[in-house]
Protein backbone atom coordinates (compact mmCIF):
# COMPACT_ATOMS: atom_id res chain seq x y z
CA UNK A 1 0.00 0.00 0.00
CA UNK A 2 2.91 2.36 0.65
CA UNK A 3 3.56 2.50 -3.11
CA UNK A 4 0.04 3.83 -3.73
CA UNK A 5 -0.68 6.00 -0.65
CA UNK A 6 -0.76 9.69 -1.62
CA UNK A 7 -3.41 12.37 -2.08
CA UNK A 8 -3.49 12.00 -5.88
CA UNK A 9 -4.78 8.41 -5.52
CA UNK A 10 -7.49 9.28 -2.96
CA UNK A 11 -11.17 9.46 -3.87
CA UNK A 12 -11.37 12.88 -2.16
CA UNK A 13 -8.56 14.50 -4.18
CA UNK A 14 -9.73 17.28 -6.50
CA UNK A 15 -7.69 19.17 -9.09
CA UNK A 16 -9.12 22.56 -10.05
CA UNK A 17 -7.71 24.55 -12.96
CA UNK A 18 -7.61 28.28 -12.19
CA UNK A 19 -6.22 31.27 -14.06
CA UNK A 20 -3.19 31.36 -11.74
CA UNK A 21 -2.54 27.61 -12.11
CA UNK A 22 -3.72 24.31 -10.71
CA UNK A 23 -5.16 24.07 -7.22
CA UNK A 24 -5.31 20.71 -5.45
CA UNK A 25 -7.85 20.24 -2.67
CA UNK A 26 -9.00 17.45 -0.37
CA UNK A 27 -12.78 17.55 -0.56
CA UNK A 28 -13.08 15.62 2.72
CA UNK A 29 -10.79 17.81 4.80
CA UNK A 30 -11.28 21.04 2.90
CA UNK A 31 -7.51 21.62 2.80
CA UNK A 32 -5.38 22.67 -0.11
CA UNK A 33 -2.94 19.82 -0.70
CA UNK A 34 -0.36 18.51 -3.16
CA UNK A 35 -0.58 15.26 -5.15
CA UNK A 36 2.32 13.64 -3.24
CA UNK A 37 1.11 14.55 0.28
CA UNK A 38 -0.13 11.79 2.60
CA UNK A 39 -2.84 11.96 5.26
CA UNK A 40 -4.11 9.19 7.55
CA UNK A 41 -7.67 9.56 6.22
CA UNK A 42 -6.68 8.25 2.77
CA UNK A 43 -9.39 6.34 0.87
CA UNK A 44 -8.02 4.92 -2.39
CA UNK A 45 -9.91 5.35 -5.65
CA UNK A 46 -11.51 2.14 -6.97
CA UNK A 47 -8.86 1.48 -9.63
CA UNK A 48 -6.10 2.05 -7.06
CA UNK A 49 -7.74 -0.40 -4.64
CA UNK A 50 -7.80 -2.98 -7.44
CA UNK A 51 -4.07 -2.45 -8.02
CA UNK A 52 -3.39 -2.83 -4.29
CA UNK A 53 -5.40 -6.06 -4.18
CA UNK A 54 -3.60 -7.41 -7.25
CA UNK A 55 -0.23 -6.46 -5.77
CA UNK A 56 -1.08 -8.12 -2.42
CA UNK A 57 -2.15 -11.36 -4.17
CA UNK A 58 1.13 -11.41 -6.08
CA UNK A 59 3.10 -11.02 -2.86
CA UNK A 60 1.14 -13.75 -1.09
CA UNK A 61 2.24 -16.28 -3.71
CA UNK A 62 5.93 -15.48 -3.27
PDB file of N, CA and C in Angstrom:
ATOM      1  N   UNK A   1       0.827  -1.190   0.000  1.00  0.00           N
ATOM      2  CA  UNK A   1       0.000   0.000   0.000  1.00  0.00           C
ATOM      3  C   UNK A   1       0.868   1.248   0.000  1.00  0.00           C
ATOM      4  N   UNK A   2       2.063   1.168   0.569  1.00  0.00           N
ATOM      5  CA  UNK A   2       2.914   2.356   0.652  1.00  0.00           C
ATOM      6  C   UNK A   2       3.266   2.905  -0.735  1.00  0.00           C
ATOM      7  N   UNK A   3       3.254   2.044  -1.752  1.00  0.00           N
ATOM      8  CA  UNK A   3       3.557   2.501  -3.110  1.00  0.00           C
ATOM      9  C   UNK A   3       2.421   3.319  -3.709  1.00  0.00           C
ATOM     10  N   UNK A   4       1.225   3.184  -3.168  1.00  0.00           N
ATOM     11  CA  UNK A   4       0.044   3.832  -3.725  1.00  0.00           C
ATOM     12  C   UNK A   4      -0.460   4.995  -2.882  1.00  0.00           C
ATOM     13  N   UNK A   5      -0.106   5.039  -1.591  1.00  0.00           N
ATOM     14  CA  UNK A   5      -0.681   6.003  -0.654  1.00  0.00           C
ATOM     15  C   UNK A   5      -0.166   7.423  -0.889  1.00  0.00           C
ATOM     16  N   UNK A   6      -1.021   8.255  -1.478  1.00  0.00           N
ATOM     17  CA  UNK A   6      -0.763   9.687  -1.617  1.00  0.00           C
ATOM     18  C   UNK A   6      -2.080  10.355  -1.994  1.00  0.00           C
ATOM     19  N   UNK A   7      -2.156  11.651  -1.822  1.00  0.00           N
ATOM     20  CA  UNK A   7      -3.406  12.370  -2.083  1.00  0.00           C
ATOM     21  C   UNK A   7      -3.930  12.161  -3.507  1.00  0.00           C
ATOM     22  N   UNK A   8      -3.060  12.117  -4.477  1.00  0.00           N
ATOM     23  CA  UNK A   8      -3.493  12.002  -5.876  1.00  0.00           C
ATOM     24  C   UNK A   8      -4.253  10.712  -6.151  1.00  0.00           C
ATOM     25  N   UNK A   9      -4.081   9.678  -5.318  1.00  0.00           N
ATOM     26  CA  UNK A   9      -4.781   8.412  -5.524  1.00  0.00           C
ATOM     27  C   UNK A   9      -6.005   8.266  -4.629  1.00  0.00           C
ATOM     28  N   UNK A  10      -6.348   9.312  -3.883  1.00  0.00           N
ATOM     29  CA  UNK A  10      -7.487   9.284  -2.961  1.00  0.00           C
ATOM     30  C   UNK A  10      -8.768   9.723  -3.662  1.00  0.00           C
ATOM     31  N   UNK A  11      -9.886   9.114  -3.274  1.00  0.00           N
ATOM     32  CA  UNK A  11     -11.171   9.462  -3.866  1.00  0.00           C
ATOM     33  C   UNK A  11     -11.611  10.887  -3.538  1.00  0.00           C
ATOM     34  N   UNK A  12     -10.991  11.519  -2.560  1.00  0.00           N
ATOM     35  CA  UNK A  12     -11.370  12.877  -2.157  1.00  0.00           C
ATOM     36  C   UNK A  12     -10.479  13.963  -2.771  1.00  0.00           C
ATOM     37  N   UNK A  13      -9.487  13.553  -3.542  1.00  0.00           N
ATOM     38  CA  UNK A  13      -8.563  14.496  -4.180  1.00  0.00           C
ATOM     39  C   UNK A  13      -9.234  15.178  -5.360  1.00  0.00           C
ATOM     40  N   UNK A  14      -9.155  16.496  -5.405  1.00  0.00           N
ATOM     41  CA  UNK A  14      -9.729  17.280  -6.500  1.00  0.00           C
ATOM     42  C   UNK A  14      -8.663  18.215  -7.069  1.00  0.00           C
ATOM     43  N   UNK A  15      -8.590  18.257  -8.385  1.00  0.00           N
ATOM     44  CA  UNK A  15      -7.692  19.174  -9.092  1.00  0.00           C
ATOM     45  C   UNK A  15      -8.564  20.205  -9.793  1.00  0.00           C
ATOM     46  N   UNK A  16      -8.321  21.476  -9.491  1.00  0.00           N
ATOM     47  CA  UNK A  16      -9.121  22.559 -10.047  1.00  0.00           C
ATOM     48  C   UNK A  16      -8.204  23.484 -10.840  1.00  0.00           C
ATOM     49  N   UNK A  17      -8.522  23.668 -12.119  1.00  0.00           N
ATOM     50  CA  UNK A  17      -7.715  24.552 -12.964  1.00  0.00           C
ATOM     51  C   UNK A  17      -8.203  25.987 -12.778  1.00  0.00           C
ATOM     52  N   UNK A  18      -7.295  26.863 -12.386  1.00  0.00           N
ATOM     53  CA  UNK A  18      -7.607  28.277 -12.186  1.00  0.00           C
ATOM     54  C   UNK A  18      -6.686  29.109 -13.067  1.00  0.00           C
ATOM     55  N   UNK A  19      -7.024  30.379 -13.223  1.00  0.00           N
ATOM     56  CA  UNK A  19      -6.225  31.274 -14.065  1.00  0.00           C
ATOM     57  C   UNK A  19      -4.767  31.333 -13.597  1.00  0.00           C
ATOM     58  N   UNK A  20      -4.551  31.271 -12.285  1.00  0.00           N
ATOM     59  CA  UNK A  20      -3.192  31.360 -11.738  1.00  0.00           C
ATOM     60  C   UNK A  20      -2.495  30.006 -11.661  1.00  0.00           C
ATOM     61  N   UNK A  21      -3.150  28.944 -12.098  1.00  0.00           N
ATOM     62  CA  UNK A  21      -2.545  27.615 -12.114  1.00  0.00           C
ATOM     63  C   UNK A  21      -3.449  26.597 -11.448  1.00  0.00           C
ATOM     64  N   UNK A  22      -2.942  25.393 -11.312  1.00  0.00           N
ATOM     65  CA  UNK A  22      -3.719  24.307 -10.714  1.00  0.00           C
ATOM     66  C   UNK A  22      -3.800  24.466  -9.200  1.00  0.00           C
ATOM     67  N   UNK A  23      -4.959  24.113  -8.668  1.00  0.00           N
ATOM     68  CA  UNK A  23      -5.157  24.073  -7.223  1.00  0.00           C
ATOM     69  C   UNK A  23      -5.608  22.662  -6.881  1.00  0.00           C
ATOM     70  N   UNK A  24      -4.992  22.071  -5.873  1.00  0.00           N
ATOM     71  CA  UNK A  24      -5.309  20.715  -5.447  1.00  0.00           C
ATOM     72  C   UNK A  24      -5.930  20.782  -4.062  1.00  0.00           C
ATOM     73  N   UNK A  25      -7.073  20.128  -3.904  1.00  0.00           N
ATOM     74  CA  UNK A  25      -7.846  20.236  -2.671  1.00  0.00           C
ATOM     75  C   UNK A  25      -8.320  18.854  -2.230  1.00  0.00           C
ATOM     76  N   UNK A  26      -8.356  18.630  -0.933  1.00  0.00           N
ATOM     77  CA  UNK A  26      -8.995  17.448  -0.372  1.00  0.00           C
ATOM     78  C   UNK A  26     -10.437  17.837  -0.076  1.00  0.00           C
ATOM     79  N   UNK A  27     -11.381  17.203  -0.760  1.00  0.00           N
ATOM     80  CA  UNK A  27     -12.785  17.552  -0.563  1.00  0.00           C
ATOM     81  C   UNK A  27     -13.302  17.077   0.791  1.00  0.00           C
ATOM     82  N   UNK A  28     -12.667  16.092   1.393  1.00  0.00           N
ATOM     83  CA  UNK A  28     -13.077  15.616   2.718  1.00  0.00           C
ATOM     84  C   UNK A  28     -12.619  16.579   3.800  1.00  0.00           C
ATOM     85  N   UNK A  29     -11.347  16.948   3.761  1.00  0.00           N
ATOM     86  CA  UNK A  29     -10.787  17.805   4.803  1.00  0.00           C
ATOM     87  C   UNK A  29     -10.987  19.295   4.537  1.00  0.00           C
ATOM     88  N   UNK A  30     -11.145  19.642   3.256  1.00  0.00           N
ATOM     89  CA  UNK A  30     -11.281  21.042   2.900  1.00  0.00           C
ATOM     90  C   UNK A  30      -9.948  21.778   2.834  1.00  0.00           C
ATOM     91  N   UNK A  31      -8.851  21.039   2.846  1.00  0.00           N
ATOM     92  CA  UNK A  31      -7.514  21.622   2.801  1.00  0.00           C
ATOM     93  C   UNK A  31      -6.987  21.679   1.384  1.00  0.00           C
ATOM     94  N   UNK A  32      -6.162  22.689   1.117  1.00  0.00           N
ATOM     95  CA  UNK A  32      -5.378  22.666  -0.106  1.00  0.00           C
ATOM     96  C   UNK A  32      -4.263  21.659   0.142  1.00  0.00           C
ATOM     97  N   UNK A  33      -3.926  20.893  -0.860  1.00  0.00           N
ATOM     98  CA  UNK A  33      -2.944  19.824  -0.701  1.00  0.00           C
ATOM     99  C   UNK A  33      -2.047  19.761  -1.931  1.00  0.00           C
ATOM    100  N   UNK A  34      -1.207  18.791  -1.993  1.00  0.00           N
ATOM    101  CA  UNK A  34      -0.359  18.513  -3.156  1.00  0.00           C
ATOM    102  C   UNK A  34      -0.543  17.035  -3.499  1.00  0.00           C
ATOM    103  N   UNK A  35      -0.360  16.657  -4.759  1.00  0.00           N
ATOM    104  CA  UNK A  35      -0.577  15.261  -5.153  1.00  0.00           C
ATOM    105  C   UNK A  35       0.242  14.249  -4.346  1.00  0.00           C
ATOM    106  N   UNK A  36       1.448  14.588  -3.932  1.00  0.00           N
ATOM    107  CA  UNK A  36       2.318  13.636  -3.237  1.00  0.00           C
ATOM    108  C   UNK A  36       2.139  13.635  -1.717  1.00  0.00           C
ATOM    109  N   UNK A  37       1.326  14.522  -1.169  1.00  0.00           N
ATOM    110  CA  UNK A  37       1.108  14.551   0.282  1.00  0.00           C
ATOM    111  C   UNK A  37       0.396  13.286   0.733  1.00  0.00           C
ATOM    112  N   UNK A  38       0.514  12.969   2.025  1.00  0.00           N
ATOM    113  CA  UNK A  38      -0.130  11.794   2.602  1.00  0.00           C
ATOM    114  C   UNK A  38      -0.834  12.187   3.898  1.00  0.00           C
ATOM    115  N   UNK A  39      -2.083  11.761   4.035  1.00  0.00           N
ATOM    116  CA  UNK A  39      -2.839  11.960   5.261  1.00  0.00           C
ATOM    117  C   UNK A  39      -3.365  10.607   5.720  1.00  0.00           C
ATOM    118  N   UNK A  40      -3.633  10.465   7.004  1.00  0.00           N
ATOM    119  CA  UNK A  40      -4.111   9.194   7.555  1.00  0.00           C
ATOM    120  C   UNK A  40      -5.535   8.854   7.140  1.00  0.00           C
ATOM    121  N   UNK A  41      -6.274   9.807   6.601  1.00  0.00           N
ATOM    122  CA  UNK A  41      -7.673   9.564   6.222  1.00  0.00           C
ATOM    123  C   UNK A  41      -7.806   9.062   4.787  1.00  0.00           C
ATOM    124  N   UNK A  42      -6.725   8.665   4.168  1.00  0.00           N
ATOM    125  CA  UNK A  42      -6.678   8.253   2.768  1.00  0.00           C
ATOM    126  C   UNK A  42      -7.659   7.141   2.447  1.00  0.00           C
ATOM    127  N   UNK A  43      -8.468   7.349   1.404  1.00  0.00           N
ATOM    128  CA  UNK A  43      -9.389   6.340   0.872  1.00  0.00           C
ATOM    129  C   UNK A  43      -9.073   6.178  -0.612  1.00  0.00           C
ATOM    130  N   UNK A  44      -8.466   5.062  -1.004  1.00  0.00           N
ATOM    131  CA  UNK A  44      -8.024   4.917  -2.390  1.00  0.00           C
ATOM    132  C   UNK A  44      -9.189   4.886  -3.379  1.00  0.00           C
ATOM    133  N   UNK A  45      -8.943   5.439  -4.559  1.00  0.00           N
ATOM    134  CA  UNK A  45      -9.909   5.353  -5.654  1.00  0.00           C
ATOM    135  C   UNK A  45     -10.074   3.884  -6.022  1.00  0.00           C
ATOM    136  N   UNK A  46     -11.200   3.541  -6.660  1.00  0.00           N
ATOM    137  CA  UNK A  46     -11.513   2.140  -6.970  1.00  0.00           C
ATOM    138  C   UNK A  46     -10.408   1.461  -7.773  1.00  0.00           C
ATOM    139  N   UNK A  47      -9.894   2.129  -8.805  1.00  0.00           N
ATOM    140  CA  UNK A  47      -8.863   1.479  -9.632  1.00  0.00           C
ATOM    141  C   UNK A  47      -7.552   1.313  -8.858  1.00  0.00           C
ATOM    142  N   UNK A  48      -7.294   2.183  -7.901  1.00  0.00           N
ATOM    143  CA  UNK A  48      -6.096   2.055  -7.064  1.00  0.00           C
ATOM    144  C   UNK A  48      -6.273   0.887  -6.104  1.00  0.00           C
ATOM    145  N   UNK A  49      -7.469   0.728  -5.536  1.00  0.00           N
ATOM    146  CA  UNK A  49      -7.739  -0.399  -4.639  1.00  0.00           C
ATOM    147  C   UNK A  49      -7.563  -1.720  -5.375  1.00  0.00           C
ATOM    148  N   UNK A  50      -7.990  -1.767  -6.637  1.00  0.00           N
ATOM    149  CA  UNK A  50      -7.800  -2.979  -7.444  1.00  0.00           C
ATOM    150  C   UNK A  50      -6.318  -3.283  -7.630  1.00  0.00           C
ATOM    151  N   UNK A  51      -5.513  -2.252  -7.875  1.00  0.00           N
ATOM    152  CA  UNK A  51      -4.067  -2.448  -8.019  1.00  0.00           C
ATOM    153  C   UNK A  51      -3.441  -2.942  -6.720  1.00  0.00           C
ATOM    154  N   UNK A  52      -3.893  -2.397  -5.596  1.00  0.00           N
ATOM    155  CA  UNK A  52      -3.389  -2.827  -4.290  1.00  0.00           C
ATOM    156  C   UNK A  52      -3.724  -4.297  -4.067  1.00  0.00           C
ATOM    157  N   UNK A  53      -4.973  -4.668  -4.347  1.00  0.00           N
ATOM    158  CA  UNK A  53      -5.405  -6.061  -4.180  1.00  0.00           C
ATOM    159  C   UNK A  53      -4.595  -7.000  -5.066  1.00  0.00           C
ATOM    160  N   UNK A  54      -4.381  -6.596  -6.313  1.00  0.00           N
ATOM    161  CA  UNK A  54      -3.601  -7.406  -7.246  1.00  0.00           C
ATOM    162  C   UNK A  54      -2.161  -7.554  -6.761  1.00  0.00           C
ATOM    163  N   UNK A  55      -1.583  -6.466  -6.272  1.00  0.00           N
ATOM    164  CA  UNK A  55      -0.230  -6.465  -5.767  1.00  0.00           C
ATOM    165  C   UNK A  55      -0.110  -7.366  -4.529  1.00  0.00           C
ATOM    166  N   UNK A  56      -1.105  -7.290  -3.633  1.00  0.00           N
ATOM    167  CA  UNK A  56      -1.082  -8.120  -2.423  1.00  0.00           C
ATOM    168  C   UNK A  56      -1.212  -9.604  -2.764  1.00  0.00           C
ATOM    169  N   UNK A  57      -2.020  -9.958  -3.764  1.00  0.00           N
ATOM    170  CA  UNK A  57      -2.151 -11.356  -4.173  1.00  0.00           C
ATOM    171  C   UNK A  57      -0.832 -11.870  -4.740  1.00  0.00           C
ATOM    172  N   UNK A  58      -0.147 -11.029  -5.504  1.00  0.00           N
ATOM    173  CA  UNK A  58       1.133 -11.412  -6.079  1.00  0.00           C
ATOM    174  C   UNK A  58       2.189 -11.641  -5.022  1.00  0.00           C
ATOM    175  N   UNK A  59       2.146 -10.868  -3.946  1.00  0.00           N
ATOM    176  CA  UNK A  59       3.103 -11.022  -2.855  1.00  0.00           C
ATOM    177  C   UNK A  59       2.810 -12.245  -2.003  1.00  0.00           C
ATOM    178  N   UNK A  60       1.524 -12.597  -1.898  1.00  0.00           N
ATOM    179  CA  UNK A  60       1.137 -13.752  -1.093  1.00  0.00           C
ATOM    180  C   UNK A  60       1.657 -15.057  -1.706  1.00  0.00           C
ATOM    181  N   UNK A  61       1.772 -15.088  -3.036  1.00  0.00           N
ATOM    182  CA  UNK A  61       2.238 -16.278  -3.711  1.00  0.00           C
ATOM    183  C   UNK A  61       3.749 -16.418  -3.745  1.00  0.00           C
ATOM    184  N   UNK A  62       4.461 -15.434  -3.238  1.00  0.00           N
ATOM    185  CA  UNK A  62       5.931 -15.477  -3.265  1.00  0.00           C
ATOM    186  C   UNK A  62       6.527 -16.381  -2.234  1.00  0.00           C
TER     187      UNK A  62
END
